[in-house]
């Protein structure tokens, strides 16, 4: 396992837990989408870790911050 894989996986788990705690609605759907993005990033990082995933990760983090507002 790589560090990037573990890092993305932890964010995916945290995002999914946050989505489960939200009431049904648009915000919950958006948070689940963020969790899916983190999960896909972790799967890609497990195969071939590289720095190209950082831009995708930053975009997902930005979206997650917007959902929290």
C-alpha atoms as a PDB file:
ATOM      1  CA  UNK A   1       0.000   0.000   0.000  1.00  0.00           C
ATOM      2  CA  UNK A   2       1.088   3.504  -0.656  1.00  0.00           C
ATOM      3  CA  UNK A   3       0.688   6.572   1.498  1.00  0.00           C
ATOM      4  CA  UNK A   4      -1.519   8.230  -1.120  1.00  0.00           C
ATOM      5  CA  UNK A   5      -3.852   5.233  -1.106  1.00  0.00           C
ATOM      6  CA  UNK A   6      -4.238   5.356   2.678  1.00  0.00           C
ATOM      7  CA  UNK A   7      -4.687   9.123   2.641  1.00  0.00           C
ATOM      8  CA  UNK A   8      -7.429   9.080  -0.001  1.00  0.00           C
ATOM      9  CA  UNK A   9      -9.119   6.094   1.637  1.00  0.00           C
ATOM     10  CA  UNK A  10      -9.326   7.854   4.996  1.00  0.00           C
ATOM     11  CA  UNK A  11     -10.901  10.878   3.324  1.00  0.00           C
ATOM     12  CA  UNK A  12     -13.392   8.622   1.514  1.00  0.00           C
ATOM     13  CA  UNK A  13     -14.413   6.978   4.783  1.00  0.00           C
ATOM     14  CA  UNK A  14     -14.758  10.319   6.570  1.00  0.00           C
ATOM     15  CA  UNK A  15     -16.816  11.786   3.709  1.00  0.00           C
ATOM     16  CA  UNK A  16     -19.107   8.755   3.673  1.00  0.00           C
ATOM     17  CA  UNK A  17     -19.660   8.963   7.426  1.00  0.00           C
ATOM     18  CA  UNK A  18     -20.453  12.652   7.075  1.00  0.00           C
ATOM     19  CA  UNK A  19     -22.961  11.858   4.304  1.00  0.00           C
ATOM     20  CA  UNK A  20     -24.651   9.203   6.425  1.00  0.00           C
ATOM     21  CA  UNK A  21     -25.151  11.733   9.213  1.00  0.00           C
ATOM     22  CA  UNK A  22     -26.849  14.277   6.946  1.00  0.00           C
ATOM     23  CA  UNK A  23     -30.626  14.370   6.481  1.00  0.00           C
ATOM     24  CA  UNK A  24     -31.950  13.193   3.101  1.00  0.00           C
ATOM     25  CA  UNK A  25     -31.690  15.793   0.373  1.00  0.00           C
ATOM     26  CA  UNK A  26     -29.415  17.509  -2.103  1.00  0.00           C
ATOM     27  CA  UNK A  27     -26.613  18.099   0.405  1.00  0.00           C
ATOM     28  CA  UNK A  28     -26.456  14.411   1.248  1.00  0.00           C
ATOM     29  CA  UNK A  29     -26.272  13.499  -2.442  1.00  0.00           C
ATOM     30  CA  UNK A  30     -23.419  15.954  -2.997  1.00  0.00           C
ATOM     31  CA  UNK A  31     -21.519  14.620   0.011  1.00  0.00           C
ATOM     32  CA  UNK A  32     -21.925  11.043  -1.245  1.00  0.00           C
ATOM     33  CA  UNK A  33     -20.561  12.154  -4.614  1.00  0.00           C
ATOM     34  CA  UNK A  34     -17.513  13.618  -2.875  1.00  0.00           C
ATOM     35  CA  UNK A  35     -17.050  10.302  -1.059  1.00  0.00           C
ATOM     36  CA  UNK A  36     -17.181   8.464  -4.395  1.00  0.00           C
ATOM     37  CA  UNK A  37     -14.519  10.779  -5.843  1.00  0.00           C
ATOM     38  CA  UNK A  38     -12.224  10.089  -2.889  1.00  0.00           C
ATOM     39  CA  UNK A  39     -12.860   6.371  -3.293  1.00  0.00           C
ATOM     40  CA  UNK A  40     -11.969   6.475  -6.994  1.00  0.00           C
ATOM     41  CA  UNK A  41      -8.825   8.468  -6.215  1.00  0.00           C
ATOM     42  CA  UNK A  42      -7.794   5.863  -3.646  1.00  0.00           C
ATOM     43  CA  UNK A  43      -8.292   3.060  -6.160  1.00  0.00           C
ATOM     44  CA  UNK A  44      -6.197   4.866  -8.766  1.00  0.00           C
ATOM     45  CA  UNK A  45      -3.494   5.662  -6.211  1.00  0.00           C
ATOM     46  CA  UNK A  46      -3.318   1.992  -5.244  1.00  0.00           C
ATOM     47  CA  UNK A  47      -2.418   1.065  -8.820  1.00  0.00           C
ATOM     48  CA  UNK A  48       0.074   3.791  -9.638  1.00  0.00           C
ATOM     49  CA  UNK A  49       0.617   6.551  -7.093  1.00  0.00           C
ATOM     50  CA  UNK A  50       1.611   9.864  -8.609  1.00  0.00           C
ATOM     51  CA  UNK A  51       1.199  13.559  -7.990  1.00  0.00           C
ATOM     52  CA  UNK A  52      -1.421  14.002 -10.714  1.00  0.00           C
ATOM     53  CA  UNK A  53      -4.100  12.963  -8.231  1.00  0.00           C
ATOM     54  CA  UNK A  54      -3.417  16.001  -6.066  1.00  0.00           C
ATOM     55  CA  UNK A  55      -5.344  18.351  -8.354  1.00  0.00           C
ATOM     56  CA  UNK A  56      -8.357  16.035  -8.249  1.00  0.00           C
ATOM     57  CA  UNK A  57      -8.042  15.796  -4.483  1.00  0.00           C
ATOM     58  CA  UNK A  58      -7.898  19.569  -4.072  1.00  0.00           C
ATOM     59  CA  UNK A  59     -10.985  19.967  -6.259  1.00  0.00           C
ATOM     60  CA  UNK A  60     -12.879  17.416  -4.167  1.00  0.00           C
ATOM     61  CA  UNK A  61     -11.818  19.133  -0.929  1.00  0.00           C
ATOM     62  CA  UNK A  62     -12.988  22.477  -2.293  1.00  0.00           C
ATOM     63  CA  UNK A  63     -16.371  20.995  -3.211  1.00  0.00           C
ATOM     64  CA  UNK A  64     -16.668  19.415   0.226  1.00  0.00           C
ATOM     65  CA  UNK A  65     -15.990  22.776   1.893  1.00  0.00           C
ATOM     66  CA  UNK A  66     -18.698  24.397  -0.250  1.00  0.00           C
ATOM     67  CA  UNK A  67     -21.197  21.735   0.812  1.00  0.00           C
ATOM     68  CA  UNK A  68     -20.488  22.472   4.472  1.00  0.00           C
ATOM     69  CA  UNK A  69     -21.521  26.109   4.170  1.00  0.00           C
END
